[in-house]
Amino acid sequence: MNLKLLKKENHRRLEKSWRGKSKYGPLGRWWYGSTQWSKVAPAALGTGVVAEVMDDDCGC
């Protein structure tokens, strides 16, 4: 089941080189092979953790 529509070139380069262009490395595979929401989730989580650490109200 595909969650993301890809251009043919990007799809092919996730697994192997295509038309003289090399296979994507780990970062390229993550960027082109992941859905948008999965790219935003780690940043959102990190932002929430930083906000919680910086919060002066202990909540104890």
N, C-alpha and C. Protein backbone atom coordinates (compact mmCIF):
# COMPACT_ATOMS: atom_id res chain seq x y z
N MET A 1 0.85 -1.18 0.00
CA MET A 1 0.00 0.00 0.00
C MET A 1 0.89 1.24 0.00
N ASN A 2 0.71 2.10 -0.97
CA ASN A 2 1.49 3.33 -1.06
C ASN A 2 0.78 4.45 -0.34
N LEU A 3 1.52 5.16 0.48
CA LEU A 3 0.97 6.30 1.18
C LEU A 3 1.32 7.61 0.51
N LYS A 4 2.28 7.58 -0.39
CA LYS A 4 2.76 8.81 -1.03
C LYS A 4 2.96 8.55 -2.52
N LEU A 5 2.46 9.45 -3.33
CA LEU A 5 2.69 9.37 -4.76
C LEU A 5 4.05 9.98 -5.07
N LEU A 6 4.83 9.28 -5.86
CA LEU A 6 6.16 9.74 -6.22
C LEU A 6 6.30 9.88 -7.72
N LYS A 7 7.18 10.80 -8.13
CA LYS A 7 7.56 10.83 -9.54
C LYS A 7 8.29 9.53 -9.82
N LYS A 8 8.21 9.09 -11.06
CA LYS A 8 8.84 7.83 -11.44
C LYS A 8 10.33 7.82 -11.09
N GLU A 9 11.03 8.92 -11.38
CA GLU A 9 12.46 8.98 -11.10
C GLU A 9 12.74 8.80 -9.61
N ASN A 10 12.00 9.49 -8.77
CA ASN A 10 12.23 9.38 -7.32
C ASN A 10 11.94 7.97 -6.83
N HIS A 11 10.90 7.37 -7.34
CA HIS A 11 10.55 6.02 -6.93
C HIS A 11 11.66 5.03 -7.30
N ARG A 12 12.15 5.14 -8.52
CA ARG A 12 13.21 4.23 -8.96
C ARG A 12 14.50 4.42 -8.18
N ARG A 13 14.83 5.69 -7.87
CA ARG A 13 16.09 5.98 -7.20
C ARG A 13 16.07 5.63 -5.72
N LEU A 14 14.92 5.32 -5.17
CA LEU A 14 14.88 4.85 -3.79
C LEU A 14 15.56 3.50 -3.66
N GLU A 15 15.49 2.69 -4.70
CA GLU A 15 16.00 1.32 -4.65
C GLU A 15 17.28 1.09 -5.46
N LYS A 16 17.48 1.89 -6.52
CA LYS A 16 18.66 1.66 -7.38
C LYS A 16 18.94 2.90 -8.20
N SER A 17 20.08 2.89 -8.90
CA SER A 17 20.37 4.02 -9.79
C SER A 17 19.42 3.96 -10.98
N TRP A 18 19.19 5.12 -11.59
CA TRP A 18 18.24 5.17 -12.69
C TRP A 18 18.65 6.26 -13.67
N ARG A 19 18.78 5.90 -14.93
CA ARG A 19 19.14 6.80 -16.02
C ARG A 19 20.40 7.61 -15.71
N GLY A 20 21.40 6.94 -15.21
CA GLY A 20 22.68 7.58 -14.94
C GLY A 20 22.75 8.32 -13.61
N LYS A 21 21.66 8.38 -12.89
CA LYS A 21 21.65 9.05 -11.59
C LYS A 21 21.76 7.98 -10.51
N SER A 22 22.54 8.28 -9.48
CA SER A 22 22.79 7.28 -8.45
C SER A 22 21.58 7.07 -7.53
N LYS A 23 21.61 5.94 -6.85
CA LYS A 23 20.60 5.62 -5.85
C LYS A 23 20.68 6.65 -4.73
N TYR A 24 19.52 7.00 -4.16
CA TYR A 24 19.53 7.93 -3.04
C TYR A 24 20.24 7.32 -1.84
N GLY A 25 20.95 8.15 -1.10
CA GLY A 25 21.56 7.72 0.16
C GLY A 25 20.48 7.70 1.25
N PRO A 26 20.89 7.46 2.48
CA PRO A 26 19.91 7.37 3.56
C PRO A 26 19.05 8.62 3.72
N LEU A 27 19.66 9.80 3.63
CA LEU A 27 18.89 11.04 3.78
C LEU A 27 17.93 11.23 2.60
N GLY A 28 18.39 10.95 1.40
CA GLY A 28 17.52 11.06 0.22
C GLY A 28 16.36 10.09 0.27
N ARG A 29 16.62 8.87 0.73
CA ARG A 29 15.54 7.88 0.84
C ARG A 29 14.53 8.31 1.88
N TRP A 30 15.02 8.89 2.98
CA TRP A 30 14.09 9.38 4.00
C TRP A 30 13.27 10.55 3.44
N TRP A 31 13.92 11.49 2.77
CA TRP A 31 13.24 12.69 2.28
C TRP A 31 12.22 12.36 1.19
N TYR A 32 12.61 11.57 0.21
CA TYR A 32 11.72 11.29 -0.91
C TYR A 32 10.78 10.12 -0.64
N GLY A 33 11.11 9.25 0.27
CA GLY A 33 10.30 8.07 0.52
C GLY A 33 9.32 8.19 1.68
N SER A 34 9.46 9.24 2.48
CA SER A 34 8.59 9.39 3.64
C SER A 34 7.43 10.34 3.34
N THR A 35 6.34 10.11 4.01
CA THR A 35 5.19 11.01 3.88
C THR A 35 5.50 12.32 4.60
N GLN A 36 4.78 13.39 4.25
CA GLN A 36 5.03 14.69 4.85
C GLN A 36 4.82 14.67 6.36
N TRP A 37 3.77 14.00 6.82
CA TRP A 37 3.49 13.99 8.26
C TRP A 37 4.58 13.29 9.05
N SER A 38 5.22 12.30 8.44
CA SER A 38 6.28 11.61 9.18
C SER A 38 7.55 12.44 9.27
N LYS A 39 7.70 13.44 8.39
CA LYS A 39 8.84 14.34 8.48
C LYS A 39 8.61 15.41 9.54
N VAL A 40 7.37 15.79 9.72
CA VAL A 40 7.02 16.85 10.67
C VAL A 40 6.96 16.32 12.10
N ALA A 41 6.57 15.08 12.28
CA ALA A 41 6.38 14.51 13.63
C ALA A 41 7.63 14.61 14.50
N PRO A 42 8.83 14.24 14.06
CA PRO A 42 10.01 14.36 14.94
C PRO A 42 10.29 15.80 15.35
N ALA A 43 10.11 16.75 14.43
CA ALA A 43 10.34 18.16 14.76
C ALA A 43 9.32 18.64 15.77
N ALA A 44 8.07 18.24 15.60
CA ALA A 44 7.02 18.64 16.54
C ALA A 44 7.29 18.06 17.92
N LEU A 45 7.72 16.83 17.96
CA LEU A 45 8.04 16.19 19.24
C LEU A 45 9.20 16.91 19.92
N GLY A 46 10.23 17.20 19.15
CA GLY A 46 11.38 17.92 19.70
C GLY A 46 11.00 19.30 20.20
N THR A 47 10.14 20.00 19.49
CA THR A 47 9.69 21.32 19.91
C THR A 47 8.93 21.23 21.22
N GLY A 48 8.08 20.23 21.36
CA GLY A 48 7.33 20.05 22.60
C GLY A 48 8.23 19.75 23.78
N VAL A 49 9.25 18.95 23.58
CA VAL A 49 10.19 18.61 24.66
C VAL A 49 10.96 19.86 25.08
N VAL A 50 11.44 20.63 24.11
CA VAL A 50 12.19 21.86 24.43
C VAL A 50 11.29 22.84 25.17
N ALA A 51 10.05 23.00 24.73
CA ALA A 51 9.12 23.91 25.41
C ALA A 51 8.87 23.46 26.84
N GLU A 52 8.76 22.17 27.06
CA GLU A 52 8.52 21.64 28.40
C GLU A 52 9.74 21.88 29.30
N VAL A 53 10.93 21.70 28.77
CA VAL A 53 12.16 21.91 29.55
C VAL A 53 12.32 23.39 29.91
N MET A 54 11.96 24.25 29.00
CA MET A 54 12.12 25.69 29.23
C MET A 54 11.00 26.27 30.10
N ASP A 55 9.95 25.54 30.34
CA ASP A 55 8.82 26.03 31.12
C ASP A 55 9.25 26.22 32.58
N ASP A 56 9.07 27.45 33.08
CA ASP A 56 9.46 27.76 34.46
C ASP A 56 8.50 27.19 35.50
N ASP A 57 7.27 26.94 35.11
CA ASP A 57 6.27 26.41 36.04
C ASP A 57 6.54 24.94 36.26
N CYS A 58 6.97 24.58 37.43
CA CYS A 58 7.34 23.20 37.75
C CYS A 58 6.17 22.26 37.61
N GLY A 59 4.99 22.65 38.06
CA GLY A 59 3.84 21.77 37.99
C GLY A 59 3.86 20.70 39.05
N CYS A 60 4.73 20.84 40.04
CA CYS A 60 4.85 19.84 41.10
C CYS A 60 3.70 19.91 42.08
